[in-house]
Amino acid sequence: SFARDFITGKLHNSRVLLARALRDHRMSIDEKAVSEAVQEMAGSIREARQAKDADNLRGIEGNAAHAYFSVFGELILQDKEHFAFHGRVKRPPDSPVNALLSFAYTMLAHDCASALESVGLDAYVGFLHTDRAGRTSLALDLMGELRSIFADRFVLTLINNRIIRASDFETQEDGAVLLTQDGRKKFLSAWQEKKRET
């Protein structure tokens, strides 16, 4: 039941982010594609509420993530040439947007683990994420609901408000795209500022 609630919250908040983009930027985005993703995610929410086990939940979450990230690039409104997004790639991040998302998710997981431990909960014992040595599984469960409304919106704000620019990234020999030292400073400063908001 906890895992169902975590995933339902995650999918709901992801859907809200897309629906808000439809409302606020209808003329700047592919309205049909984003609308279809919003509808698909509504179906995934209904399925998640009825899921019988963790494997079923993971499948629903995976399908919803595909729908969500297939249109995430539509929410990037500035400098689409340098901040093109063609899908979520984690290890290593292959684009500036994926580098920002990965960094934001790492920071969010750390903050969730700290919050859990500050109230006496074991951040390493999860409900949906299986226990693995050294992994803060409960923090990963908890942060799912916050990904879109905190981390993803934060990344979009960095790009759309031109806080982070193309010059704040470097490409490694293996193709990984990472923030430069100055880029990390800008990111962390904005992250701390964001965390002060109520």
Protein backbone atom coordinates (compact mmCIF):
# COMPACT_ATOMS: atom_id res chain seq x y z
CA SER A 1 0.00 0.00 0.00
CA PHE A 2 2.90 2.37 0.71
CA ALA A 3 4.45 1.59 -2.68
CA ARG A 4 1.08 2.18 -4.39
CA ASP A 5 0.80 5.56 -2.68
CA PHE A 6 4.36 6.56 -3.62
CA ILE A 7 3.82 5.72 -7.28
CA THR A 8 0.34 7.22 -7.45
CA GLY A 9 1.71 10.47 -5.99
CA LYS A 10 4.62 10.45 -8.42
CA LEU A 11 2.39 9.93 -11.45
CA HIS A 12 -0.15 12.50 -10.28
CA ASN A 13 2.49 15.20 -9.82
CA SER A 14 4.12 14.38 -13.19
CA ARG A 15 0.71 14.71 -14.84
CA VAL A 16 0.13 18.04 -13.07
CA LEU A 17 3.42 19.40 -14.46
CA LEU A 18 2.41 18.49 -18.01
CA ALA A 19 -1.13 19.82 -17.54
CA ARG A 20 0.26 23.12 -16.26
CA ALA A 21 2.43 23.41 -19.37
CA LEU A 22 -0.69 22.89 -21.49
CA ARG A 23 -2.48 25.63 -19.59
CA ASP A 24 0.38 28.15 -19.53
CA HIS A 25 2.23 27.52 -22.81
CA ARG A 26 -0.35 26.04 -25.16
CA MET A 27 0.90 28.10 -28.12
CA SER A 28 4.58 27.19 -27.58
CA ILE A 29 4.33 23.41 -27.26
CA ASP A 30 3.01 20.43 -29.21
CA GLU A 31 -0.45 20.56 -27.67
CA LYS A 32 -1.61 17.23 -29.13
CA ALA A 33 1.43 15.24 -27.94
CA VAL A 34 1.35 16.71 -24.44
CA SER A 35 -2.43 16.21 -24.17
CA GLU A 36 -2.03 12.56 -25.14
CA ALA A 37 0.69 12.10 -22.51
CA VAL A 38 -1.55 13.71 -19.88
CA GLN A 39 -4.36 11.28 -20.77
CA GLU A 40 -2.01 8.30 -20.76
CA MET A 41 -0.75 9.28 -17.34
CA ALA A 42 -4.31 9.57 -16.03
CA GLY A 43 -4.82 5.95 -17.09
CA SER A 44 -1.56 4.95 -15.38
CA ILE A 45 -2.73 6.58 -12.14
CA ARG A 46 -5.92 4.51 -12.22
CA GLU A 47 -3.88 1.35 -12.88
CA ALA A 48 -1.42 2.14 -10.08
CA ARG A 49 -4.25 2.47 -7.56
CA GLN A 50 -5.34 -1.08 -8.44
CA ALA A 51 -1.88 -2.68 -8.69
CA LYS A 52 -1.58 -5.97 -6.82
CA ASP A 53 2.19 -6.22 -6.42
CA ALA A 54 5.48 -4.32 -6.74
CA ASP A 55 6.37 -5.79 -10.15
CA ASN A 56 3.04 -4.62 -11.56
CA LEU A 57 3.66 -1.17 -10.06
CA ARG A 58 7.13 -0.99 -11.61
CA GLY A 59 5.68 -1.80 -15.03
CA ILE A 60 3.03 0.90 -14.69
CA GLU A 61 5.66 3.37 -13.50
CA GLY A 62 7.91 2.52 -16.46
CA ASN A 63 5.14 3.03 -19.01
CA ALA A 64 4.15 6.34 -17.42
CA ALA A 65 7.78 7.51 -17.34
CA HIS A 66 8.07 6.79 -21.05
CA ALA A 67 4.96 8.88 -21.77
CA TYR A 68 6.18 11.69 -19.52
CA PHE A 69 9.73 11.91 -20.86
CA SER A 70 8.56 11.55 -24.47
CA VAL A 71 7.13 15.09 -24.19
CA PHE A 72 9.38 16.57 -21.49
CA GLY A 73 11.39 18.39 -24.16
CA GLU A 74 8.25 20.38 -25.05
CA LEU A 75 8.54 22.12 -21.68
CA ILE A 76 11.94 23.56 -22.63
CA LEU A 77 11.09 26.97 -24.06
CA GLN A 78 14.50 28.64 -24.39
CA ASP A 79 17.62 27.74 -26.38
CA LYS A 80 16.15 24.49 -27.70
CA GLU A 81 19.22 24.06 -29.91
CA HIS A 82 21.57 23.50 -26.96
CA PHE A 83 18.96 22.05 -24.61
CA ALA A 84 17.36 19.53 -26.95
CA PHE A 85 15.89 16.56 -25.09
CA HIS A 86 15.33 13.23 -26.84
CA GLY A 87 14.73 10.96 -23.87
CA ARG A 88 16.04 10.17 -20.43
CA VAL A 89 19.60 8.79 -20.38
CA LYS A 90 21.12 8.31 -16.93
CA ARG A 91 24.57 6.74 -16.97
CA PRO A 92 26.29 8.63 -18.32
CA PRO A 93 24.05 11.63 -19.10
CA ASP A 94 24.34 12.32 -22.83
CA SER A 95 23.01 15.88 -22.95
CA PRO A 96 22.85 19.04 -20.84
CA VAL A 97 19.21 18.33 -19.87
CA ASN A 98 20.02 14.79 -18.73
CA ALA A 99 23.04 16.10 -16.80
CA LEU A 100 20.81 18.60 -14.98
CA LEU A 101 18.12 16.01 -14.25
CA SER A 102 20.67 13.52 -12.89
CA PHE A 103 22.27 16.15 -10.66
CA ALA A 104 18.87 17.34 -9.40
CA TYR A 105 17.78 13.76 -8.62
CA THR A 106 21.03 13.11 -6.74
CA MET A 107 20.53 16.24 -4.65
CA LEU A 108 16.87 15.40 -4.00
CA ALA A 109 17.73 11.82 -2.92
CA HIS A 110 20.36 13.18 -0.53
CA ASP A 111 17.93 15.69 0.95
CA CYS A 112 15.22 13.02 1.36
CA ALA A 113 17.69 10.66 3.07
CA SER A 114 18.72 13.44 5.47
CA ALA A 115 15.07 14.26 6.23
CA LEU A 116 14.24 10.61 6.91
CA GLU A 117 17.19 10.10 9.22
CA SER A 118 16.49 13.36 11.07
CA VAL A 119 13.15 11.88 12.24
CA GLY A 120 14.60 8.48 13.10
CA LEU A 121 13.66 6.49 9.97
CA ASP A 122 16.13 4.19 8.23
CA ALA A 123 16.66 5.67 4.76
CA TYR A 124 18.09 2.35 3.52
CA VAL A 125 14.92 0.23 4.01
CA GLY A 126 12.51 0.80 1.12
CA PHE A 127 9.05 -0.39 0.15
CA LEU A 128 9.23 -0.26 -3.64
CA HIS A 129 12.98 0.02 -4.18
CA THR A 130 14.53 -3.24 -3.08
CA ASP A 131 17.17 -3.17 -0.39
CA ARG A 132 20.68 -3.02 -1.83
CA ALA A 133 23.87 -2.36 0.06
CA GLY A 134 24.67 1.34 0.18
CA ARG A 135 21.43 2.48 -1.50
CA THR A 136 19.01 4.77 0.34
CA SER A 137 15.96 2.84 -0.87
CA LEU A 138 13.37 4.61 1.30
CA ALA A 139 14.72 8.00 0.18
CA LEU A 140 14.28 6.87 -3.44
CA ASP A 141 10.70 5.78 -2.65
CA LEU A 142 9.94 9.10 -0.98
CA MET A 143 11.54 11.34 -3.61
CA GLY A 144 9.41 9.93 -6.43
CA GLU A 145 6.53 12.22 -5.55
CA LEU A 146 8.86 15.22 -5.50
CA ARG A 147 10.74 14.56 -8.73
CA SER A 148 8.48 16.40 -11.15
CA ILE A 149 7.19 19.20 -8.94
CA PHE A 150 10.56 19.98 -7.36
CA ALA A 151 13.49 18.60 -9.39
CA ASP A 152 12.04 18.68 -12.92
CA ARG A 153 10.46 22.12 -12.47
CA PHE A 154 13.76 23.33 -11.02
CA VAL A 155 15.67 22.11 -14.09
CA LEU A 156 13.15 23.74 -16.42
CA THR A 157 13.46 27.01 -14.49
CA LEU A 158 17.26 26.92 -14.79
CA ILE A 159 16.99 26.52 -18.56
CA ASN A 160 13.96 28.69 -19.33
CA ASN A 161 15.17 31.58 -17.16
CA ARG A 162 18.67 31.28 -18.67
CA ILE A 163 20.30 30.72 -15.28
CA ILE A 164 22.25 27.82 -16.77
CA ARG A 165 23.62 28.21 -20.29
CA ALA A 166 25.25 25.95 -22.87
CA SER A 167 28.68 27.19 -21.76
CA ASP A 168 28.10 25.65 -18.30
CA PHE A 169 28.65 22.11 -19.64
CA GLU A 170 31.58 20.03 -20.80
CA THR A 171 31.69 16.76 -22.72
CA GLN A 172 34.00 14.02 -21.43
CA GLU A 173 35.95 11.60 -23.64
CA ASP A 174 33.38 8.86 -23.01
CA GLY A 175 30.57 11.14 -24.25
CA ALA A 176 29.25 12.01 -20.79
CA VAL A 177 27.96 15.57 -20.51
CA LEU A 178 28.63 17.19 -17.12
CA LEU A 179 28.31 20.61 -15.55
CA THR A 180 31.49 22.64 -15.34
CA GLN A 181 32.70 23.86 -11.95
CA ASP A 182 31.00 27.23 -12.54
CA GLY A 183 27.86 25.45 -13.71
CA ARG A 184 27.75 23.38 -10.51
CA LYS A 185 28.12 26.55 -8.43
CA LYS A 186 25.18 28.16 -10.23
CA PHE A 187 23.11 24.99 -9.83
CA LEU A 188 23.84 24.58 -6.10
CA SER A 189 23.22 28.25 -5.36
CA ALA A 190 19.82 28.09 -7.10
CA TRP A 191 19.04 24.75 -5.38
CA GLN A 192 19.62 26.22 -1.92
CA GLU A 193 17.48 29.22 -2.85
CA LYS A 194 14.69 26.91 -4.08
CA LYS A 195 14.77 24.92 -0.84
CA ARG A 196 14.09 28.09 1.16
CA GLU A 197 10.72 28.49 -0.57
CA THR A 198 7.66 27.33 1.37
